[in-house]
Amino acid sequence: MVKKRKTANNDLRSRANRAGSAALQYYTAAAQAIEEVKNTQLDAIVTASGICAEKIGRGGVVFLFGSGHSRMMVDEMTPRQGCFVGFYPLVELSVANYSAIVGPNGLRSALYLEKYEGYAEQILQSFHFGPDDGFIIISTSGIRPLVVEMAMGARLRKLPVIAIVSRRHCDSARSAHSSGKKLIDVADVVIDNRTPVGDCAVELQGLDWLTGPLSTVTGALIINMIRCETARILVANGYKPVMLPSHQFVRNDNAEDQLEKFYEAYRKSLRHLYE
């Protein structure tokens, strides 16, 4: 009996250590999370897209904000091939440029600023928001003071807030803001990126922490679903968005002309923010 049990355990370890097993474990987790987004979050995505289309159709701007790695989802929305005028990437480099890791512009200072209360308001004061503007705020944890206060500041200005978070993480974690509020407590619409607590999905023997974060995969999926659904609603309402074309085509005069139209329309869309 003991010998059979040892043999079974050895077989399990062998399968776990097989080449490609960890890669497939991540693939399976990502595919499941993607399917969960489709099955559970479509209504929230459609609602969020309706808000975006309403604001953009009236000449407003939908701001996107994410600190740390969440900044990648901001970049995924705009500027990006297939994007259109109406979305504004609110990128604060002090909390989104940390690739040096140590030293100047390192990770330590960025993580500190995410916890510093009052910082978000200093960012928001740079703009004259209008009644037709809105916000998408991305944060997997949804508990840091920076993202909570960004949402609070938007709501104080009577702007709708769409949040993209991990429900599992946000519900289970304690708020780091002195109010006790989390991003999900302030947002008008919450979209769950279906990632686990801590984001990572792959546990390997010999590692002290999990690896394989999922929020980039499902976050980019959600952003593009919002973008595409917003475009559909705008076109259905008779509004033709000004698109950013693919600029990968060499010597394509149509693409170059459209790129100039995009620049000019984008410039005009921001005018009310500074007047």
C-alpha atoms as a PDB file:
ATOM      1  CA  MET A   1       0.000   0.000   0.000  1.00  0.00           C
ATOM      2  CA  VAL A   2       2.802   2.415   0.973  1.00  0.00           C
ATOM      3  CA  LYS A   3       4.677   1.592  -2.214  1.00  0.00           C
ATOM      4  CA  LYS A   4       1.589   2.290  -4.374  1.00  0.00           C
ATOM      5  CA  ARG A   5       1.028   5.637  -2.620  1.00  0.00           C
ATOM      6  CA  LYS A   6       4.649   6.642  -3.241  1.00  0.00           C
ATOM      7  CA  THR A   7       4.327   5.665  -6.885  1.00  0.00           C
ATOM      8  CA  ALA A   8       1.154   7.754  -7.246  1.00  0.00           C
ATOM      9  CA  ASN A   9       2.842  10.758  -5.616  1.00  0.00           C
ATOM     10  CA  ASN A  10       5.827  10.398  -7.906  1.00  0.00           C
ATOM     11  CA  ASP A  11       3.497  10.332 -10.924  1.00  0.00           C
ATOM     12  CA  LEU A  12       1.805  13.552  -9.754  1.00  0.00           C
ATOM     13  CA  ARG A  13       5.160  15.283  -9.298  1.00  0.00           C
ATOM     14  CA  SER A  14       6.256  14.075 -12.708  1.00  0.00           C
ATOM     15  CA  ARG A  15       3.169  15.530 -14.380  1.00  0.00           C
ATOM     16  CA  ALA A  16       3.566  18.803 -12.464  1.00  0.00           C
ATOM     17  CA  ASN A  17       7.192  19.123 -13.615  1.00  0.00           C
ATOM     18  CA  ARG A  18       6.536  18.137 -17.209  1.00  0.00           C
ATOM     19  CA  ALA A  19       7.739  20.676 -19.801  1.00  0.00           C
ATOM     20  CA  GLY A  20       4.961  23.109 -20.607  1.00  0.00           C
ATOM     21  CA  SER A  21       2.813  22.205 -17.602  1.00  0.00           C
ATOM     22  CA  ALA A  22       3.117  25.632 -15.973  1.00  0.00           C
ATOM     23  CA  ALA A  23       2.491  27.390 -19.284  1.00  0.00           C
ATOM     24  CA  LEU A  24      -0.652  25.331 -19.806  1.00  0.00           C
ATOM     25  CA  GLN A  25      -1.765  25.979 -16.233  1.00  0.00           C
ATOM     26  CA  TYR A  26      -1.603  29.711 -16.939  1.00  0.00           C
ATOM     27  CA  TYR A  27      -3.367  29.276 -20.287  1.00  0.00           C
ATOM     28  CA  THR A  28      -6.193  27.357 -18.641  1.00  0.00           C
ATOM     29  CA  ALA A  29      -6.627  29.988 -15.923  1.00  0.00           C
ATOM     30  CA  ALA A  30      -6.596  32.822 -18.472  1.00  0.00           C
ATOM     31  CA  ALA A  31      -9.073  31.074 -20.774  1.00  0.00           C
ATOM     32  CA  GLN A  32     -11.408  30.447 -17.834  1.00  0.00           C
ATOM     33  CA  ALA A  33     -11.202  34.075 -16.722  1.00  0.00           C
ATOM     34  CA  ILE A  34     -11.941  35.273 -20.263  1.00  0.00           C
ATOM     35  CA  GLU A  35     -14.983  33.007 -20.427  1.00  0.00           C
ATOM     36  CA  GLU A  36     -16.148  34.309 -17.036  1.00  0.00           C
ATOM     37  CA  VAL A  37     -15.915  37.900 -18.285  1.00  0.00           C
ATOM     38  CA  LYS A  38     -18.171  37.018 -21.209  1.00  0.00           C
ATOM     39  CA  ASN A  39     -20.661  35.111 -19.070  1.00  0.00           C
ATOM     40  CA  THR A  40     -20.874  37.471 -16.090  1.00  0.00           C
ATOM     41  CA  GLN A  41     -19.785  40.973 -17.090  1.00  0.00           C
ATOM     42  CA  LEU A  42     -21.465  41.690 -20.424  1.00  0.00           C
ATOM     43  CA  ASP A  43     -24.349  43.664 -18.899  1.00  0.00           C
ATOM     44  CA  ALA A  44     -21.949  45.888 -16.945  1.00  0.00           C
ATOM     45  CA  ILE A  45     -19.778  46.377 -20.033  1.00  0.00           C
ATOM     46  CA  VAL A  46     -22.806  47.391 -22.113  1.00  0.00           C
ATOM     47  CA  THR A  47     -23.918  49.821 -19.386  1.00  0.00           C
ATOM     48  CA  ALA A  48     -20.419  51.318 -19.214  1.00  0.00           C
ATOM     49  CA  SER A  49     -20.290  51.608 -22.999  1.00  0.00           C
ATOM     50  CA  GLY A  50     -23.629  53.404 -22.997  1.00  0.00           C
ATOM     51  CA  ILE A  51     -22.230  55.987 -20.577  1.00  0.00           C
ATOM     52  CA  CYS A  52     -19.128  56.443 -22.724  1.00  0.00           C
ATOM     53  CA  ALA A  53     -21.162  56.810 -25.914  1.00  0.00           C
ATOM     54  CA  GLU A  54     -23.476  59.338 -24.302  1.00  0.00           C
ATOM     55  CA  LYS A  55     -20.563  61.474 -23.080  1.00  0.00           C
ATOM     56  CA  ILE A  56     -18.548  61.290 -26.292  1.00  0.00           C
ATOM     57  CA  GLY A  57     -21.620  61.889 -28.445  1.00  0.00           C
ATOM     58  CA  ARG A  58     -22.214  65.156 -26.577  1.00  0.00           C
ATOM     59  CA  GLY A  59     -18.654  66.326 -27.121  1.00  0.00           C
ATOM     60  CA  GLY A  60     -17.302  65.209 -23.756  1.00  0.00           C
ATOM     61  CA  VAL A  61     -14.237  63.216 -22.842  1.00  0.00           C
ATOM     62  CA  VAL A  62     -14.002  59.916 -20.972  1.00  0.00           C
ATOM     63  CA  PHE A  63     -10.826  59.900 -18.883  1.00  0.00           C
ATOM     64  CA  LEU A  64      -8.978  56.675 -18.165  1.00  0.00           C
ATOM     65  CA  PHE A  65      -6.795  56.401 -15.088  1.00  0.00           C
ATOM     66  CA  GLY A  66      -4.728  53.583 -13.680  1.00  0.00           C
ATOM     67  CA  SER A  67      -1.606  53.643 -11.562  1.00  0.00           C
ATOM     68  CA  GLY A  68       1.100  51.027 -11.602  1.00  0.00           C
ATOM     69  CA  HIS A  69       0.555  48.181 -14.022  1.00  0.00           C
ATOM     70  CA  SER A  70      -3.054  49.276 -14.591  1.00  0.00           C
ATOM     71  CA  ARG A  71      -1.651  52.049 -16.766  1.00  0.00           C
ATOM     72  CA  MET A  72      -1.306  49.383 -19.486  1.00  0.00           C
ATOM     73  CA  MET A  73      -5.089  49.214 -19.816  1.00  0.00           C
ATOM     74  CA  VAL A  74      -5.171  52.999 -20.264  1.00  0.00           C
ATOM     75  CA  ASP A  75      -2.674  52.690 -23.129  1.00  0.00           C
ATOM     76  CA  GLU A  76      -4.708  49.837 -24.585  1.00  0.00           C
ATOM     77  CA  MET A  77      -7.662  52.187 -25.019  1.00  0.00           C
ATOM     78  CA  THR A  78      -5.819  55.147 -26.497  1.00  0.00           C
ATOM     79  CA  PRO A  79      -3.709  55.965 -28.419  1.00  0.00           C
ATOM     80  CA  ARG A  80      -4.066  52.608 -30.137  1.00  0.00           C
ATOM     81  CA  GLN A  81      -4.921  51.471 -33.641  1.00  0.00           C
ATOM     82  CA  GLY A  82      -8.672  51.386 -33.947  1.00  0.00           C
ATOM     83  CA  CYS A  83      -9.245  53.920 -31.180  1.00  0.00           C
ATOM     84  CA  PHE A  84     -11.214  57.110 -31.680  1.00  0.00           C
ATOM     85  CA  VAL A  85     -11.477  60.608 -30.300  1.00  0.00           C
ATOM     86  CA  GLY A  86     -13.315  60.851 -27.007  1.00  0.00           C
ATOM     87  CA  PHE A  87     -11.127  58.827 -24.660  1.00  0.00           C
ATOM     88  CA  TYR A  88      -8.339  60.597 -22.749  1.00  0.00           C
ATOM     89  CA  PRO A  89      -5.407  58.748 -21.123  1.00  0.00           C
ATOM     90  CA  LEU A  90      -4.820  60.399 -17.759  1.00  0.00           C
ATOM     91  CA  VAL A  91      -1.281  59.111 -17.185  1.00  0.00           C
ATOM     92  CA  GLU A  92       0.577  60.409 -14.150  1.00  0.00           C
ATOM     93  CA  LEU A  93       4.154  59.347 -14.795  1.00  0.00           C
ATOM     94  CA  SER A  94       5.163  59.430 -11.140  1.00  0.00           C
ATOM     95  CA  VAL A  95       2.925  56.397 -10.486  1.00  0.00           C
ATOM     96  CA  ALA A  96       3.151  54.777 -13.916  1.00  0.00           C
ATOM     97  CA  ASN A  97       6.814  54.936 -14.882  1.00  0.00           C
ATOM     98  CA  TYR A  98       8.813  52.694 -12.566  1.00  0.00           C
ATOM     99  CA  SER A  99      10.759  50.411 -14.893  1.00  0.00           C
ATOM    100  CA  ALA A 100      14.055  51.386 -13.242  1.00  0.00           C
ATOM    101  CA  ILE A 101      12.708  49.513 -10.164  1.00  0.00           C
ATOM    102  CA  VAL A 102      15.374  51.039  -7.896  1.00  0.00           C
ATOM    103  CA  GLY A 103      16.842  54.544  -7.837  1.00  0.00           C
ATOM    104  CA  PRO A 104      15.183  57.574  -9.474  1.00  0.00           C
ATOM    105  CA  ASN A 105      11.762  56.807 -10.980  1.00  0.00           C
ATOM    106  CA  GLY A 106      11.810  53.478  -9.195  1.00  0.00           C
ATOM    107  CA  LEU A 107       9.086  51.233  -7.893  1.00  0.00           C
ATOM    108  CA  ARG A 108       9.464  52.222  -4.249  1.00  0.00           C
ATOM    109  CA  SER A 109       8.424  55.862  -4.791  1.00  0.00           C
ATOM    110  CA  ALA A 110       5.548  54.931  -7.110  1.00  0.00           C
ATOM    111  CA  LEU A 111       4.085  52.541  -4.549  1.00  0.00           C
ATOM    112  CA  TYR A 112       4.449  55.202  -1.870  1.00  0.00           C
ATOM    113  CA  LEU A 113       2.587  57.827  -3.898  1.00  0.00           C
ATOM    114  CA  GLU A 114      -0.301  55.416  -4.475  1.00  0.00           C
ATOM    115  CA  LYS A 115      -0.843  55.500  -0.706  1.00  0.00           C
ATOM    116  CA  TYR A 116      -0.505  59.280  -0.305  1.00  0.00           C
ATOM    117  CA  GLU A 117      -3.885  60.865   0.430  1.00  0.00           C
ATOM    118  CA  GLY A 118      -4.598  64.133  -1.360  1.00  0.00           C
ATOM    119  CA  TYR A 119      -2.453  63.370  -4.407  1.00  0.00           C
ATOM    120  CA  ALA A 120      -5.383  62.543  -6.700  1.00  0.00           C
ATOM    121  CA  GLU A 121      -6.977  65.940  -6.123  1.00  0.00           C
ATOM    122  CA  GLN A 122      -3.783  67.681  -7.217  1.00  0.00           C
ATOM    123  CA  ILE A 123      -4.011  65.797 -10.516  1.00  0.00           C
ATOM    124  CA  LEU A 124      -7.699  66.578 -11.011  1.00  0.00           C
ATOM    125  CA  GLN A 125      -7.230  70.306 -10.386  1.00  0.00           C
ATOM    126  CA  SER A 126      -5.321  70.571 -13.653  1.00  0.00           C
ATOM    127  CA  PHE A 127      -8.554  70.286 -15.653  1.00  0.00           C
ATOM    128  CA  HIS A 128     -11.796  72.206 -16.079  1.00  0.00           C
ATOM    129  CA  PHE A 129     -14.151  69.256 -16.354  1.00  0.00           C
ATOM    130  CA  GLY A 130     -17.446  69.658 -18.161  1.00  0.00           C
ATOM    131  CA  PRO A 131     -20.832  68.047 -17.526  1.00  0.00           C
ATOM    132  CA  ASP A 132     -20.290  65.619 -20.407  1.00  0.00           C
ATOM    133  CA  ASP A 133     -17.033  64.142 -19.176  1.00  0.00           C
ATOM    134  CA  GLY A 134     -16.631  60.814 -17.386  1.00  0.00           C
ATOM    135  CA  PHE A 135     -14.095  58.424 -15.893  1.00  0.00           C
ATOM    136  CA  ILE A 136     -12.904  54.858 -16.236  1.00  0.00           C
ATOM    137  CA  ILE A 137     -10.634  53.896 -13.330  1.00  0.00           C
ATOM    138  CA  ILE A 138      -8.675  50.655 -13.443  1.00  0.00           C
ATOM    139  CA  SER A 139      -7.313  49.004 -10.297  1.00  0.00           C
ATOM    140  CA  THR A 140      -7.215  45.280  -9.637  1.00  0.00           C
ATOM    141  CA  SER A 141      -7.206  45.733  -5.864  1.00  0.00           C
ATOM    142  CA  GLY A 142      -9.392  48.857  -5.747  1.00  0.00           C
ATOM    143  CA  ILE A 143      -8.156  49.772  -2.266  1.00  0.00           C
ATOM    144  CA  ARG A 144      -5.299  52.269  -2.704  1.00  0.00           C
ATOM    145  CA  PRO A 145      -5.985  55.890  -1.672  1.00  0.00           C
ATOM    146  CA  LEU A 146      -4.959  57.225  -5.102  1.00  0.00           C
ATOM    147  CA  VAL A 147      -7.643  55.358  -7.060  1.00  0.00           C
ATOM    148  CA  VAL A 148     -10.280  55.778  -4.347  1.00  0.00           C
ATOM    149  CA  GLU A 149      -9.731  59.527  -4.226  1.00  0.00           C
ATOM    150  CA  MET A 150      -9.637  59.760  -8.015  1.00  0.00           C
ATOM    151  CA  ALA A 151     -13.132  58.274  -8.035  1.00  0.00           C
ATOM    152  CA  MET A 152     -14.252  60.500  -5.173  1.00  0.00           C
ATOM    153  CA  GLY A 153     -12.950  63.572  -6.988  1.00  0.00           C
ATOM    154  CA  ALA A 154     -14.765  62.617 -10.167  1.00  0.00           C
ATOM    155  CA  ARG A 155     -18.022  62.031  -8.314  1.00  0.00           C
ATOM    156  CA  LEU A 156     -17.606  65.352  -6.476  1.00  0.00           C
ATOM    157  CA  ARG A 157     -17.539  66.968  -9.915  1.00  0.00           C
ATOM    158  CA  LYS A 158     -20.712  65.039 -10.811  1.00  0.00           C
ATOM    159  CA  LEU A 159     -18.930  62.831 -13.334  1.00  0.00           C
ATOM    160  CA  PRO A 160     -19.866  59.153 -13.719  1.00  0.00           C
ATOM    161  CA  VAL A 161     -17.231  56.624 -12.670  1.00  0.00           C
ATOM    162  CA  ILE A 162     -16.729  53.210 -14.253  1.00  0.00           C
ATOM    163  CA  ALA A 163     -14.437  50.914 -12.259  1.00  0.00           C
ATOM    164  CA  ILE A 164     -12.564  47.858 -13.526  1.00  0.00           C
ATOM    165  CA  VAL A 165     -11.439  45.783 -10.532  1.00  0.00           C
ATOM    166  CA  SER A 166     -11.056  42.273  -9.213  1.00  0.00           C
ATOM    167  CA  ARG A 167     -14.182  41.764  -7.126  1.00  0.00           C
ATOM    168  CA  ARG A 168     -12.604  38.863  -5.291  1.00  0.00           C
ATOM    169  CA  HIS A 169      -9.602  40.897  -4.268  1.00  0.00           C
ATOM    170  CA  CYS A 170     -11.452  44.126  -3.534  1.00  0.00           C
ATOM    171  CA  ASP A 171     -14.140  42.421  -1.444  1.00  0.00           C
ATOM    172  CA  SER A 172     -11.599  40.499   0.616  1.00  0.00           C
ATOM    173  CA  ALA A 173      -9.073  43.294   1.197  1.00  0.00           C
ATOM    174  CA  ARG A 174      -9.202  46.143   3.690  1.00  0.00           C
ATOM    175  CA  SER A 175      -9.327  49.668   2.299  1.00  0.00           C
ATOM    176  CA  ALA A 176      -6.071  51.615   2.602  1.00  0.00           C
ATOM    177  CA  HIS A 177      -7.972  54.925   2.551  1.00  0.00           C
ATOM    178  CA  SER A 178      -8.802  56.679   5.827  1.00  0.00           C
ATOM    179  CA  SER A 179     -12.507  56.794   4.884  1.00  0.00           C
ATOM    180  CA  GLY A 180     -12.642  53.003   4.750  1.00  0.00           C
ATOM    181  CA  LYS A 181     -14.025  53.212   1.213  1.00  0.00           C
ATOM    182  CA  LYS A 182     -12.881  51.160  -1.734  1.00  0.00           C
ATOM    183  CA  LEU A 183     -13.179  51.918  -5.438  1.00  0.00           C
ATOM    184  CA  ILE A 184     -16.263  49.700  -5.707  1.00  0.00           C
ATOM    185  CA  ASP A 185     -17.982  51.829  -3.031  1.00  0.00           C
ATOM    186  CA  VAL A 186     -17.612  54.993  -5.110  1.00  0.00           C
ATOM    187  CA  ALA A 187     -18.120  53.796  -8.693  1.00  0.00           C
ATOM    188  CA  ASP A 188     -21.402  54.000 -10.619  1.00  0.00           C
ATOM    189  CA  VAL A 189     -20.591  50.879 -12.651  1.00  0.00           C
ATOM    190  CA  VAL A 190     -18.261  48.078 -11.552  1.00  0.00           C
ATOM    191  CA  ILE A 191     -16.765  45.616 -14.030  1.00  0.00           C
ATOM    192  CA  ASP A 192     -15.100  42.559 -12.518  1.00  0.00           C
ATOM    193  CA  ASN A 193     -11.924  41.452 -14.291  1.00  0.00           C
ATOM    194  CA  ARG A 194     -12.428  37.964 -12.789  1.00  0.00           C
ATOM    195  CA  THR A 195      -8.901  37.658 -11.427  1.00  0.00           C
ATOM    196  CA  PRO A 196      -8.123  35.902  -8.131  1.00  0.00           C
ATOM    197  CA  VAL A 197      -6.980  37.525  -4.908  1.00  0.00           C
ATOM    198  CA  GLY A 198      -3.436  38.704  -5.573  1.00  0.00           C
ATOM    199  CA  ASP A 199      -3.994  38.492  -9.356  1.00  0.00           C
ATOM    200  CA  CYS A 200      -1.669  35.532  -9.940  1.00  0.00           C
ATOM    201  CA  ALA A 201      -3.076  32.150 -10.916  1.00  0.00           C
ATOM    202  CA  VAL A 202      -0.183  29.686 -11.032  1.00  0.00           C
ATOM    203  CA  GLU A 203       1.176  27.938  -7.926  1.00  0.00           C
ATOM    204  CA  LEU A 204       4.440  26.055  -8.325  1.00  0.00           C
ATOM    205  CA  GLN A 205       6.225  23.883  -5.851  1.00  0.00           C
ATOM    206  CA  GLY A 206       9.425  25.638  -4.796  1.00  0.00           C
ATOM    207  CA  LEU A 207       8.080  29.180  -5.230  1.00  0.00           C
ATOM    208  CA  ASP A 208       7.117  31.179  -2.157  1.00  0.00           C
ATOM    209  CA  TRP A 209       4.531  33.235  -4.083  1.00  0.00           C
ATOM    210  CA  LEU A 210       2.168  32.557  -6.966  1.00  0.00           C
ATOM    211  CA  THR A 211       3.061  33.699 -10.477  1.00  0.00           C
ATOM    212  CA  GLY A 212       1.110  34.309 -13.690  1.00  0.00           C
ATOM    213  CA  PRO A 213      -0.972  37.496 -13.208  1.00  0.00           C
ATOM    214  CA  LEU A 214      -4.231  37.575 -15.160  1.00  0.00           C
ATOM    215  CA  SER A 215      -5.388  41.203 -14.934  1.00  0.00           C
ATOM    216  CA  THR A 216      -3.567  42.295 -18.095  1.00  0.00           C
ATOM    217  CA  VAL A 217      -5.309  39.625 -20.159  1.00  0.00           C
ATOM    218  CA  THR A 218      -8.841  40.261 -18.913  1.00  0.00           C
ATOM    219  CA  GLY A 219      -8.267  43.999 -18.472  1.00  0.00           C
ATOM    220  CA  ALA A 220      -7.282  44.418 -22.123  1.00  0.00           C
ATOM    221  CA  LEU A 221     -10.264  42.277 -23.112  1.00  0.00           C
ATOM    222  CA  ILE A 222     -12.658  44.479 -21.129  1.00  0.00           C
ATOM    223  CA  ILE A 223     -11.161  47.709 -22.474  1.00  0.00           C
ATOM    224  CA  ASN A 224     -11.560  46.538 -26.062  1.00  0.00           C
ATOM    225  CA  MET A 225     -15.100  45.305 -25.425  1.00  0.00           C
ATOM    226  CA  ILE A 226     -15.963  48.775 -24.075  1.00  0.00           C
ATOM    227  CA  ARG A 227     -14.260  50.463 -27.025  1.00  0.00           C
ATOM    228  CA  CYS A 228     -16.063  48.342 -29.625  1.00  0.00           C
ATOM    229  CA  GLU A 229     -19.471  48.559 -27.945  1.00  0.00           C
ATOM    230  CA  THR A 230     -19.119  52.323 -27.507  1.00  0.00           C
ATOM    231  CA  ALA A 231     -18.349  52.644 -31.220  1.00  0.00           C
ATOM    232  CA  ARG A 232     -21.397  50.547 -32.090  1.00  0.00           C
ATOM    233  CA  ILE A 233     -23.688  52.720 -29.975  1.00  0.00           C
ATOM    234  CA  LEU A 234     -22.244  55.955 -31.386  1.00  0.00           C
ATOM    235  CA  VAL A 235     -22.715  54.805 -34.980  1.00  0.00           C
ATOM    236  CA  ALA A 236     -26.229  53.551 -34.212  1.00  0.00           C
ATOM    237  CA  ASN A 237     -27.032  57.025 -32.853  1.00  0.00           C
ATOM    238  CA  GLY A 238     -25.775  58.719 -35.997  1.00  0.00           C
ATOM    239  CA  TYR A 239     -22.428  59.848 -34.569  1.00  0.00           C
ATOM    240  CA  LYS A 240     -19.329  58.986 -36.592  1.00  0.00           C
ATOM    241  CA  PRO A 241     -16.217  58.909 -34.388  1.00  0.00           C
ATOM    242  CA  VAL A 242     -12.903  60.169 -35.721  1.00  0.00           C
ATOM    243  CA  MET A 243     -10.692  57.096 -35.860  1.00  0.00           C
ATOM    244  CA  LEU A 244      -6.972  56.578 -35.400  1.00  0.00           C
ATOM    245  CA  PRO A 245      -5.980  54.444 -38.400  1.00  0.00           C
ATOM    246  CA  SER A 246      -3.272  51.850 -38.466  1.00  0.00           C
ATOM    247  CA  HIS A 247      -0.066  53.740 -39.250  1.00  0.00           C
ATOM    248  CA  GLN A 248       1.857  50.568 -40.005  1.00  0.00           C
ATOM    249  CA  PHE A 249       1.249  50.871 -43.739  1.00  0.00           C
ATOM    250  CA  VAL A 250       4.186  52.515 -45.504  1.00  0.00           C
ATOM    251  CA  ARG A 251       3.366  55.232 -48.062  1.00  0.00           C
ATOM    252  CA  ASN A 252      -0.382  55.036 -47.477  1.00  0.00           C
ATOM    253  CA  ASP A 253      -1.673  58.551 -48.130  1.00  0.00           C
ATOM    254  CA  ASN A 254      -5.175  57.770 -46.867  1.00  0.00           C
ATOM    255  CA  ALA A 255      -3.812  56.614 -43.514  1.00  0.00           C
ATOM    256  CA  GLU A 256      -1.570  59.679 -43.234  1.00  0.00           C
ATOM    257  CA  ASP A 257      -4.469  62.016 -44.006  1.00  0.00           C
ATOM    258  CA  GLN A 258      -6.684  60.262 -41.464  1.00  0.00           C
ATOM    259  CA  LEU A 259      -3.929  60.493 -38.866  1.00  0.00           C
ATOM    260  CA  GLU A 260      -3.837  64.278 -39.282  1.00  0.00           C
ATOM    261  CA  LYS A 261      -7.631  64.411 -38.951  1.00  0.00           C
ATOM    262  CA  PHE A 262      -7.366  62.394 -35.740  1.00  0.00           C
ATOM    263  CA  TYR A 263      -4.762  64.758 -34.282  1.00  0.00           C
ATOM    264  CA  GLU A 264      -6.877  67.805 -35.026  1.00  0.00           C
ATOM    265  CA  ALA A 265     -10.137  66.310 -33.753  1.00  0.00           C
ATOM    266  CA  TYR A 266      -8.378  65.117 -30.600  1.00  0.00           C
ATOM    267  CA  ARG A 267      -6.953  68.587 -29.984  1.00  0.00           C
ATOM    268  CA  LYS A 268     -10.385  70.164 -30.314  1.00  0.00           C
ATOM    269  CA  SER A 269     -11.960  67.574 -27.999  1.00  0.00           C
ATOM    270  CA  LEU A 270      -9.695  68.748 -25.152  1.00  0.00           C
ATOM    271  CA  ARG A 271     -10.362  72.453 -25.561  1.00  0.00           C
ATOM    272  CA  HIS A 272     -12.942  72.743 -22.782  1.00  0.00           C
ATOM    273  CA  LEU A 273     -10.584  71.148 -20.264  1.00  0.00           C
ATOM    274  CA  TYR A 274      -8.226  74.131 -20.330  1.00  0.00           C
ATOM    275  CA  GLU A 275     -10.502  77.117 -20.959  1.00  0.00           C
END
